[in-house]
Amino acid sequence: ANAGAHPFTLTTSRTTQYESTSLDGDWQVRFSSSSGFTENLGQFGDPSVQFYASGPHGYIAFQDRSVLLNIEEPVSGERTRAGEESNWDEGAPFPPLRSSRGPVTYGSTVRLSFSGADEVTPEGRERLNEYSNYFLGDDPTRWGTRVPSYREVVYADLYQGIDLVYREEGQRIKYEYIVHPGADPSRIITRVEGHDSLQVADGNLVISTKAGEITDSGLDVFYLDGLQEKVPCEFELVNHDTYGFRLSHYDRSRTLVIDPLVYATYFG
């Protein structure tokens, strides 16, 4: 991590409220009392987003066969006075969430897509007692209350016999692949878009963007049967925008978990 960097938490707290306003001022979104992954019931303009989680410095959003990771840098000092409040990547699928603590000056959106994956729609699991409210314009028919959130978002059978699970864990976002008996983990290939560089450094996968770094810190790969047996595995770059996993020999008759140790974003 860069000197002075701090970990980026994607999930919202129970007390933080966010607002998002479209470029033409037509609609706004307000979030309250939400944690976990919130279902998208129309509060974002992009209907392809099924679930999302947001926080002080960005969001994660789940589409069919792809995941969006957005990171933001707050306005401060001379940059605020210079009016640099809307310097966003042009490819962003929807406007940034804006915290009541101040505007945002810079952000990047990275898309992770799964090469060769099956057509899969993400589903929410383990519904939480938390909820979100949203208000679109002045028309009450477009308002929603108590929108549900979930502890997990799952892409079941993303590849044949392989599930991809995202979960909230200790105010961070974690993901893991569940490789069921007989499935082939070499099929798991992730393509990265919207980044500046992709590299493996000291066993960590690092996605660099103009707004910061997205880091997968190492891998913990083990059997799911509780015997605590580990399987050697490392990230493998296929090319400048694609990566997979390189595993040592393992018992394909047992369920395997491919679990990055820490999933976080850092700012310099």
C-alpha atoms as a PDB file:
ATOM      1  CA  ALA A   1       0.000   0.000   0.000  1.00  0.00           C
ATOM      2  CA  ASN A   2       1.071   3.579  -0.540  1.00  0.00           C
ATOM      3  CA  ALA A   3       2.325   5.613   2.401  1.00  0.00           C
ATOM      4  CA  GLY A   4      -0.597   7.148   4.240  1.00  0.00           C
ATOM      5  CA  ALA A   5      -3.082   4.862   2.508  1.00  0.00           C
ATOM      6  CA  HIS A   6      -6.211   3.779   4.287  1.00  0.00           C
ATOM      7  CA  PRO A   7      -8.464   0.782   3.661  1.00  0.00           C
ATOM      8  CA  PHE A   8     -11.611   1.454   1.676  1.00  0.00           C
ATOM      9  CA  THR A   9     -14.862   0.168   3.196  1.00  0.00           C
ATOM     10  CA  LEU A  10     -17.626  -0.338   0.653  1.00  0.00           C
ATOM     11  CA  THR A  11     -20.543  -1.001   2.996  1.00  0.00           C
ATOM     12  CA  THR A  12     -22.690   1.753   4.461  1.00  0.00           C
ATOM     13  CA  SER A  13     -23.052   2.374   8.165  1.00  0.00           C
ATOM     14  CA  ARG A  14     -26.415   2.571   9.894  1.00  0.00           C
ATOM     15  CA  THR A  15     -26.152   6.348  10.303  1.00  0.00           C
ATOM     16  CA  THR A  16     -24.554   7.501   7.046  1.00  0.00           C
ATOM     17  CA  GLN A  17     -26.863   8.975   4.406  1.00  0.00           C
ATOM     18  CA  TYR A  18     -25.999   9.399   0.714  1.00  0.00           C
ATOM     19  CA  GLU A  19     -27.532  11.364  -2.110  1.00  0.00           C
ATOM     20  CA  SER A  20     -27.071  10.938  -5.856  1.00  0.00           C
ATOM     21  CA  THR A  21     -28.306  13.452  -8.421  1.00  0.00           C
ATOM     22  CA  SER A  22     -28.436  12.841 -12.156  1.00  0.00           C
ATOM     23  CA  LEU A  23     -26.661  15.124 -14.609  1.00  0.00           C
ATOM     24  CA  ASP A  24     -29.928  16.848 -15.549  1.00  0.00           C
ATOM     25  CA  GLY A  25     -31.248  17.049 -11.979  1.00  0.00           C
ATOM     26  CA  ASP A  26     -34.206  14.795 -12.774  1.00  0.00           C
ATOM     27  CA  TRP A  27     -33.865  12.336  -9.906  1.00  0.00           C
ATOM     28  CA  GLN A  28     -32.159  11.791  -6.617  1.00  0.00           C
ATOM     29  CA  VAL A  29     -31.526   8.835  -4.355  1.00  0.00           C
ATOM     30  CA  ARG A  30     -31.245   8.865  -0.580  1.00  0.00           C
ATOM     31  CA  PHE A  31     -30.040   5.883   1.392  1.00  0.00           C
ATOM     32  CA  SER A  32     -30.533   5.295   5.100  1.00  0.00           C
ATOM     33  CA  SER A  33     -30.149   2.497   7.651  1.00  0.00           C
ATOM     34  CA  SER A  34     -28.527   0.142   5.166  1.00  0.00           C
ATOM     35  CA  SER A  35     -25.721  -2.399   5.276  1.00  0.00           C
ATOM     36  CA  GLY A  36     -24.936  -5.509   3.286  1.00  0.00           C
ATOM     37  CA  PHE A  37     -25.946  -5.680  -0.381  1.00  0.00           C
ATOM     38  CA  THR A  38     -29.059  -3.720  -1.352  1.00  0.00           C
ATOM     39  CA  GLU A  39     -31.422  -4.889  -4.077  1.00  0.00           C
ATOM     40  CA  ASN A  40     -31.873  -2.459  -6.972  1.00  0.00           C
ATOM     41  CA  LEU A  41     -35.599  -1.874  -7.417  1.00  0.00           C
ATOM     42  CA  GLY A  42     -35.206   1.143  -9.682  1.00  0.00           C
ATOM     43  CA  GLN A  43     -33.259   3.559  -7.509  1.00  0.00           C
ATOM     44  CA  PHE A  44     -30.403   3.462 -10.042  1.00  0.00           C
ATOM     45  CA  GLY A  45     -30.972   4.316 -13.672  1.00  0.00           C
ATOM     46  CA  ASP A  46     -29.190   1.196 -14.930  1.00  0.00           C
ATOM     47  CA  PRO A  47     -31.624  -1.750 -14.709  1.00  0.00           C
ATOM     48  CA  SER A  48     -28.778  -4.211 -15.317  1.00  0.00           C
ATOM     49  CA  VAL A  49     -27.579  -3.648 -11.731  1.00  0.00           C
ATOM     50  CA  GLN A  50     -29.233  -6.247  -9.493  1.00  0.00           C
ATOM     51  CA  PHE A  51     -27.555  -5.466  -6.136  1.00  0.00           C
ATOM     52  CA  TYR A  52     -25.026  -2.967  -4.797  1.00  0.00           C
ATOM     53  CA  ALA A  53     -23.206  -1.859  -1.649  1.00  0.00           C
ATOM     54  CA  SER A  54     -21.955   1.672  -1.103  1.00  0.00           C
ATOM     55  CA  GLY A  55     -19.714   3.514   1.289  1.00  0.00           C
ATOM     56  CA  PRO A  56     -17.864   6.778   1.920  1.00  0.00           C
ATOM     57  CA  HIS A  57     -15.410   6.164  -0.927  1.00  0.00           C
ATOM     58  CA  GLY A  58     -17.311   4.236  -3.594  1.00  0.00           C
ATOM     59  CA  TYR A  59     -19.537   1.294  -4.387  1.00  0.00           C
ATOM     60  CA  ILE A  60     -19.690  -2.244  -5.717  1.00  0.00           C
ATOM     61  CA  ALA A  61     -22.527  -3.196  -8.084  1.00  0.00           C
ATOM     62  CA  PHE A  62     -23.560  -6.595  -9.421  1.00  0.00           C
ATOM     63  CA  GLN A  63     -24.781  -7.224 -12.964  1.00  0.00           C
ATOM     64  CA  ASP A  64     -25.377 -10.441 -14.898  1.00  0.00           C
ATOM     65  CA  ARG A  65     -21.906 -11.972 -15.436  1.00  0.00           C
ATOM     66  CA  SER A  66     -20.048  -8.832 -14.298  1.00  0.00           C
ATOM     67  CA  VAL A  67     -19.213  -6.751 -11.222  1.00  0.00           C
ATOM     68  CA  LEU A  68     -18.573  -2.985 -11.077  1.00  0.00           C
ATOM     69  CA  LEU A  69     -16.062  -1.572  -8.591  1.00  0.00           C
ATOM     70  CA  ASN A  70     -16.026   2.200  -8.115  1.00  0.00           C
ATOM     71  CA  ILE A  71     -13.607   4.199  -5.983  1.00  0.00           C
ATOM     72  CA  GLU A  72     -13.854   7.886  -5.129  1.00  0.00           C
ATOM     73  CA  GLU A  73     -11.479  10.565  -3.857  1.00  0.00           C
ATOM     74  CA  PRO A  74     -12.961  13.386  -1.712  1.00  0.00           C
ATOM     75  CA  VAL A  75     -12.606  17.051  -2.631  1.00  0.00           C
ATOM     76  CA  SER A  76     -10.172  19.065  -0.523  1.00  0.00           C
ATOM     77  CA  GLY A  77      -8.260  22.358  -0.507  1.00  0.00           C
ATOM     78  CA  GLU A  78      -7.385  24.032  -3.782  1.00  0.00           C
ATOM     79  CA  ARG A  79      -9.138  21.370  -5.844  1.00  0.00           C
ATOM     80  CA  THR A  80     -12.462  22.417  -4.322  1.00  0.00           C
ATOM     81  CA  ARG A  81     -11.891  26.083  -5.085  1.00  0.00           C
ATOM     82  CA  ALA A  82     -10.797  25.181  -8.599  1.00  0.00           C
ATOM     83  CA  GLY A  83     -14.229  23.651  -9.181  1.00  0.00           C
ATOM     84  CA  GLU A  84     -12.946  20.142  -9.870  1.00  0.00           C
ATOM     85  CA  GLU A  85     -16.081  18.482  -8.506  1.00  0.00           C
ATOM     86  CA  SER A  86     -17.142  16.337 -11.458  1.00  0.00           C
ATOM     87  CA  ASN A  87     -13.950  14.809 -12.827  1.00  0.00           C
ATOM     88  CA  TRP A  88     -15.328  11.292 -13.412  1.00  0.00           C
ATOM     89  CA  ASP A  89     -14.564   8.541 -15.862  1.00  0.00           C
ATOM     90  CA  GLU A  90     -16.899   8.976 -18.821  1.00  0.00           C
ATOM     91  CA  GLY A  91     -17.781   5.274 -18.805  1.00  0.00           C
ATOM     92  CA  ALA A  92     -19.342   5.313 -15.332  1.00  0.00           C
ATOM     93  CA  PRO A  93     -22.717   3.497 -15.563  1.00  0.00           C
ATOM     94  CA  PHE A  94     -24.473   5.870 -13.155  1.00  0.00           C
ATOM     95  CA  PRO A  95     -23.623   9.017 -11.163  1.00  0.00           C
ATOM     96  CA  PRO A  96     -21.437   8.728  -8.059  1.00  0.00           C
ATOM     97  CA  LEU A  97     -22.986   8.580  -4.605  1.00  0.00           C
ATOM     98  CA  ARG A  98     -22.353  11.844  -2.797  1.00  0.00           C
ATOM     99  CA  SER A  99     -21.904  11.903   0.967  1.00  0.00           C
ATOM    100  CA  SER A 100     -23.245  14.700   3.138  1.00  0.00           C
ATOM    101  CA  ARG A 101     -19.633  15.254   4.226  1.00  0.00           C
ATOM    102  CA  GLY A 102     -18.852  16.973   0.934  1.00  0.00           C
ATOM    103  CA  PRO A 103     -18.665  16.569  -2.860  1.00  0.00           C
ATOM    104  CA  VAL A 104     -16.386  14.192  -4.696  1.00  0.00           C
ATOM    105  CA  THR A 105     -13.697  15.284  -7.126  1.00  0.00           C
ATOM    106  CA  TYR A 106     -12.404  12.123  -8.745  1.00  0.00           C
ATOM    107  CA  GLY A 107     -13.452   8.556  -9.337  1.00  0.00           C
ATOM    108  CA  SER A 108     -12.835   5.446 -11.423  1.00  0.00           C
ATOM    109  CA  THR A 109     -15.106   2.532 -12.269  1.00  0.00           C
ATOM    110  CA  VAL A 110     -13.651  -0.900 -12.999  1.00  0.00           C
ATOM    111  CA  ARG A 111     -15.692  -3.704 -14.524  1.00  0.00           C
ATOM    112  CA  LEU A 112     -14.870  -7.342 -13.792  1.00  0.00           C
ATOM    113  CA  SER A 113     -16.421  -9.758 -16.285  1.00  0.00           C
ATOM    114  CA  PHE A 114     -16.152 -13.529 -16.399  1.00  0.00           C
ATOM    115  CA  SER A 115     -14.901 -14.928 -19.692  1.00  0.00           C
ATOM    116  CA  GLY A 116     -16.697 -18.048 -20.865  1.00  0.00           C
ATOM    117  CA  ALA A 117     -19.167 -17.956 -17.971  1.00  0.00           C
ATOM    118  CA  ASP A 118     -22.752 -19.140 -18.236  1.00  0.00           C
ATOM    119  CA  GLU A 119     -25.685 -16.703 -18.330  1.00  0.00           C
ATOM    120  CA  VAL A 120     -26.258 -16.194 -14.607  1.00  0.00           C
ATOM    121  CA  THR A 121     -28.258 -13.597 -12.666  1.00  0.00           C
ATOM    122  CA  PRO A 122     -26.910 -12.822  -9.180  1.00  0.00           C
ATOM    123  CA  GLU A 123     -29.185 -13.598  -6.252  1.00  0.00           C
ATOM    124  CA  GLY A 124     -29.317 -12.241  -2.712  1.00  0.00           C
ATOM    125  CA  ARG A 125     -28.996 -14.645   0.203  1.00  0.00           C
ATOM    126  CA  GLU A 126     -29.335 -14.251   3.971  1.00  0.00           C
ATOM    127  CA  ARG A 127     -31.711 -11.305   4.068  1.00  0.00           C
ATOM    128  CA  LEU A 128     -30.856  -8.692   6.715  1.00  0.00           C
ATOM    129  CA  ASN A 129     -33.100  -6.665   8.992  1.00  0.00           C
ATOM    130  CA  GLU A 130     -31.485  -3.521   7.547  1.00  0.00           C
ATOM    131  CA  TYR A 131     -33.277  -1.592   4.801  1.00  0.00           C
ATOM    132  CA  SER A 132     -32.934   1.362   2.407  1.00  0.00           C
ATOM    133  CA  ASN A 133     -35.329   4.102   1.342  1.00  0.00           C
ATOM    134  CA  TYR A 134     -35.195   5.916  -1.990  1.00  0.00           C
ATOM    135  CA  PHE A 135     -37.038   8.873  -3.474  1.00  0.00           C
ATOM    136  CA  LEU A 136     -37.013   9.525  -7.223  1.00  0.00           C
ATOM    137  CA  GLY A 137     -38.033  13.073  -8.101  1.00  0.00           C
ATOM    138  CA  ASP A 138     -41.301  14.512  -6.766  1.00  0.00           C
ATOM    139  CA  ASP A 139     -43.554  11.635  -7.852  1.00  0.00           C
ATOM    140  CA  PRO A 140     -44.504   9.461  -4.828  1.00  0.00           C
ATOM    141  CA  THR A 141     -45.247   6.537  -7.154  1.00  0.00           C
ATOM    142  CA  ARG A 142     -41.506   6.387  -7.848  1.00  0.00           C
ATOM    143  CA  TRP A 143     -40.528   6.320  -4.182  1.00  0.00           C
ATOM    144  CA  GLY A 144     -39.601   3.125  -2.382  1.00  0.00           C
ATOM    145  CA  THR A 145     -39.225   2.253   1.275  1.00  0.00           C
ATOM    146  CA  ARG A 146     -37.732  -0.680   3.150  1.00  0.00           C
ATOM    147  CA  VAL A 147     -35.809  -1.967   0.143  1.00  0.00           C
ATOM    148  CA  PRO A 148     -34.199  -5.259   1.273  1.00  0.00           C
ATOM    149  CA  SER A 149     -30.511  -5.959   1.764  1.00  0.00           C
ATOM    150  CA  TYR A 150     -28.665  -9.268   1.960  1.00  0.00           C
ATOM    151  CA  ARG A 151     -25.503 -10.550   3.574  1.00  0.00           C
ATOM    152  CA  GLU A 152     -24.441 -12.392   0.409  1.00  0.00           C
ATOM    153  CA  VAL A 153     -24.731 -12.026  -3.350  1.00  0.00           C
ATOM    154  CA  VAL A 154     -24.253 -15.322  -5.178  1.00  0.00           C
ATOM    155  CA  TYR A 155     -23.601 -16.197  -8.819  1.00  0.00           C
ATOM    156  CA  ALA A 156     -24.687 -19.845  -8.678  1.00  0.00           C
ATOM    157  CA  ASP A 157     -23.132 -22.024 -11.407  1.00  0.00           C
ATOM    158  CA  LEU A 158     -21.267 -19.085 -12.908  1.00  0.00           C
ATOM    159  CA  TYR A 159     -19.173 -21.811 -14.462  1.00  0.00           C
ATOM    160  CA  GLN A 160     -20.403 -25.393 -14.471  1.00  0.00           C
ATOM    161  CA  GLY A 161     -20.119 -26.604 -10.881  1.00  0.00           C
ATOM    162  CA  ILE A 162     -18.569 -23.321  -9.661  1.00  0.00           C
ATOM    163  CA  ASP A 163     -20.332 -20.660  -7.568  1.00  0.00           C
ATOM    164  CA  LEU A 164     -19.067 -17.121  -6.949  1.00  0.00           C
ATOM    165  CA  VAL A 165     -20.054 -15.717  -3.544  1.00  0.00           C
ATOM    166  CA  TYR A 166     -19.651 -12.119  -2.349  1.00  0.00           C
ATOM    167  CA  ARG A 167     -20.255 -11.314   1.317  1.00  0.00           C
ATOM    168  CA  GLU A 168     -19.893  -8.535   3.847  1.00  0.00           C
ATOM    169  CA  GLU A 169     -17.311  -9.501   6.435  1.00  0.00           C
ATOM    170  CA  GLY A 170     -16.036  -7.167   9.127  1.00  0.00           C
ATOM    171  CA  GLN A 171     -16.930  -3.987   7.204  1.00  0.00           C
ATOM    172  CA  ARG A 172     -15.126  -5.269   4.119  1.00  0.00           C
ATOM    173  CA  ILE A 173     -16.242  -7.019   0.970  1.00  0.00           C
ATOM    174  CA  LYS A 174     -14.994 -10.584   0.544  1.00  0.00           C
ATOM    175  CA  TYR A 175     -15.507 -12.985  -2.332  1.00  0.00           C
ATOM    176  CA  GLU A 176     -14.802 -16.640  -2.886  1.00  0.00           C
ATOM    177  CA  TYR A 177     -15.268 -19.318  -5.499  1.00  0.00           C
ATOM    178  CA  ILE A 178     -16.866 -22.601  -4.423  1.00  0.00           C
ATOM    179  CA  VAL A 179     -15.569 -25.335  -6.738  1.00  0.00           C
ATOM    180  CA  HIS A 180     -17.810 -28.380  -6.438  1.00  0.00           C
ATOM    181  CA  PRO A 181     -16.551 -31.946  -7.085  1.00  0.00           C
ATOM    182  CA  GLY A 182     -15.649 -32.540 -10.728  1.00  0.00           C
ATOM    183  CA  ALA A 183     -15.650 -28.849 -11.711  1.00  0.00           C
ATOM    184  CA  ASP A 184     -12.658 -27.291 -13.456  1.00  0.00           C
ATOM    185  CA  PRO A 185     -11.257 -24.151 -11.730  1.00  0.00           C
ATOM    186  CA  SER A 186      -9.015 -23.405 -14.718  1.00  0.00           C
ATOM    187  CA  ARG A 187     -12.175 -22.122 -16.445  1.00  0.00           C
ATOM    188  CA  ILE A 188     -12.312 -19.164 -14.033  1.00  0.00           C
ATOM    189  CA  ILE A 189     -10.996 -16.263 -16.101  1.00  0.00           C
ATOM    190  CA  THR A 190     -11.680 -12.654 -15.080  1.00  0.00           C
ATOM    191  CA  ARG A 191     -11.386  -9.734 -17.487  1.00  0.00           C
ATOM    192  CA  VAL A 192     -10.701  -6.243 -16.107  1.00  0.00           C
ATOM    193  CA  GLU A 193     -11.885  -3.055 -17.864  1.00  0.00           C
ATOM    194  CA  GLY A 194     -11.476   0.609 -16.942  1.00  0.00           C
ATOM    195  CA  HIS A 195      -8.110   0.192 -15.211  1.00  0.00           C
ATOM    196  CA  ASP A 196      -4.635   1.621 -15.801  1.00  0.00           C
ATOM    197  CA  SER A 197      -2.650  -1.526 -15.030  1.00  0.00           C
ATOM    198  CA  LEU A 198      -3.030  -5.076 -13.739  1.00  0.00           C
ATOM    199  CA  GLN A 199      -0.194  -6.889 -11.986  1.00  0.00           C
ATOM    200  CA  VAL A 200       0.710  -9.562  -9.464  1.00  0.00           C
ATOM    201  CA  ALA A 201       3.127  -8.270  -6.818  1.00  0.00           C
ATOM    202  CA  ASP A 202       4.302 -10.347  -3.839  1.00  0.00           C
ATOM    203  CA  GLY A 203       1.409 -12.730  -4.401  1.00  0.00           C
ATOM    204  CA  ASN A 204      -1.178  -9.940  -4.443  1.00  0.00           C
ATOM    205  CA  LEU A 205      -3.363  -9.002  -7.407  1.00  0.00           C
ATOM    206  CA  VAL A 206      -3.268  -5.211  -7.852  1.00  0.00           C
ATOM    207  CA  ILE A 207      -5.656  -3.308 -10.135  1.00  0.00           C
ATOM    208  CA  SER A 208      -4.427   0.280 -10.501  1.00  0.00           C
ATOM    209  CA  THR A 209      -6.775   3.124 -11.471  1.00  0.00           C
ATOM    210  CA  LYS A 210      -6.500   6.899 -11.565  1.00  0.00           C
ATOM    211  CA  ALA A 211      -8.319   7.101  -8.228  1.00  0.00           C
ATOM    212  CA  GLY A 212      -6.457   4.376  -6.333  1.00  0.00           C
ATOM    213  CA  GLU A 213      -5.670   0.672  -6.162  1.00  0.00           C
ATOM    214  CA  ILE A 214      -7.947  -2.337  -5.773  1.00  0.00           C
ATOM    215  CA  THR A 215      -6.031  -5.157  -4.099  1.00  0.00           C
ATOM    216  CA  ASP A 216      -6.652  -8.874  -3.629  1.00  0.00           C
ATOM    217  CA  SER A 217      -4.128  -9.790  -0.935  1.00  0.00           C
ATOM    218  CA  GLY A 218      -3.059 -13.358  -1.542  1.00  0.00           C
ATOM    219  CA  LEU A 219      -5.118 -16.536  -1.654  1.00  0.00           C
ATOM    220  CA  ASP A 220      -6.352 -19.043   0.888  1.00  0.00           C
ATOM    221  CA  VAL A 221      -7.424 -22.231  -0.900  1.00  0.00           C
ATOM    222  CA  PHE A 222      -8.776 -25.174   1.066  1.00  0.00           C
ATOM    223  CA  TYR A 223     -11.241 -28.071   1.065  1.00  0.00           C
ATOM    224  CA  LEU A 224     -14.711 -27.387   2.431  1.00  0.00           C
ATOM    225  CA  ASP A 225     -14.989 -30.640   4.390  1.00  0.00           C
ATOM    226  CA  GLY A 226     -13.495 -29.181   7.557  1.00  0.00           C
ATOM    227  CA  LEU A 227     -10.202 -31.074   7.515  1.00  0.00           C
ATOM    228  CA  GLN A 228      -8.257 -27.792   7.175  1.00  0.00           C
ATOM    229  CA  GLU A 229      -6.198 -29.036   4.250  1.00  0.00           C
ATOM    230  CA  LYS A 230      -4.746 -26.245   2.122  1.00  0.00           C
ATOM    231  CA  VAL A 231      -4.050 -26.321  -1.628  1.00  0.00           C
ATOM    232  CA  PRO A 232      -1.222 -24.171  -3.078  1.00  0.00           C
ATOM    233  CA  CYS A 233      -2.628 -21.557  -5.456  1.00  0.00           C
ATOM    234  CA  GLU A 234      -1.607 -18.187  -6.889  1.00  0.00           C
ATOM    235  CA  PHE A 235      -2.973 -15.490  -9.150  1.00  0.00           C
ATOM    236  CA  GLU A 236      -1.946 -15.914 -12.780  1.00  0.00           C
ATOM    237  CA  LEU A 237      -1.946 -13.111 -15.343  1.00  0.00           C
ATOM    238  CA  VAL A 238      -3.205 -14.181 -18.758  1.00  0.00           C
ATOM    239  CA  ASN A 239      -2.512 -10.783 -20.351  1.00  0.00           C
ATOM    240  CA  HIS A 240      -2.710  -7.070 -19.499  1.00  0.00           C
ATOM    241  CA  ASP A 241      -6.425  -7.207 -18.677  1.00  0.00           C
ATOM    242  CA  THR A 242      -7.165 -10.826 -17.751  1.00  0.00           C
ATOM    243  CA  TYR A 243      -6.262 -13.113 -14.856  1.00  0.00           C
ATOM    244  CA  GLY A 244      -7.053 -16.524 -13.436  1.00  0.00           C
ATOM    245  CA  PHE A 245      -5.767 -18.946 -10.795  1.00  0.00           C
ATOM    246  CA  ARG A 246      -2.920 -21.454 -10.959  1.00  0.00           C
ATOM    247  CA  LEU A 247      -3.542 -24.395  -8.629  1.00  0.00           C
ATOM    248  CA  SER A 248      -1.356 -27.310  -7.663  1.00  0.00           C
ATOM    249  CA  HIS A 249      -2.718 -30.833  -7.935  1.00  0.00           C
ATOM    250  CA  TYR A 250      -5.743 -31.396  -5.708  1.00  0.00           C
ATOM    251  CA  ASP A 251      -8.488 -33.961  -5.064  1.00  0.00           C
ATOM    252  CA  ARG A 252     -11.291 -33.165  -7.520  1.00  0.00           C
ATOM    253  CA  SER A 253     -13.709 -35.403  -5.630  1.00  0.00           C
ATOM    254  CA  ARG A 254     -13.846 -32.805  -2.819  1.00  0.00           C
ATOM    255  CA  THR A 255     -15.339 -29.305  -2.732  1.00  0.00           C
ATOM    256  CA  LEU A 256     -12.676 -26.607  -2.970  1.00  0.00           C
ATOM    257  CA  VAL A 257     -12.826 -22.975  -1.813  1.00  0.00           C
ATOM    258  CA  ILE A 258     -10.708 -20.305  -3.544  1.00  0.00           C
ATOM    259  CA  ASP A 259     -10.687 -17.418  -1.087  1.00  0.00           C
ATOM    260  CA  PRO A 260      -8.661 -14.187  -1.413  1.00  0.00           C
ATOM    261  CA  LEU A 261      -7.400 -13.208   2.036  1.00  0.00           C
ATOM    262  CA  VAL A 262      -8.325  -9.508   2.009  1.00  0.00           C
ATOM    263  CA  TYR A 263     -10.338  -7.539  -0.518  1.00  0.00           C
ATOM    264  CA  ALA A 264      -9.742  -3.818  -0.100  1.00  0.00           C
ATOM    265  CA  THR A 265      -9.051  -0.562  -1.911  1.00  0.00           C
ATOM    266  CA  TYR A 266      -6.352   1.897  -0.883  1.00  0.00           C
ATOM    267  CA  PHE A 267      -5.811   5.588  -1.575  1.00  0.00           C
ATOM    268  CA  GLY A 268      -2.484   7.375  -1.510  1.00  0.00           C
END
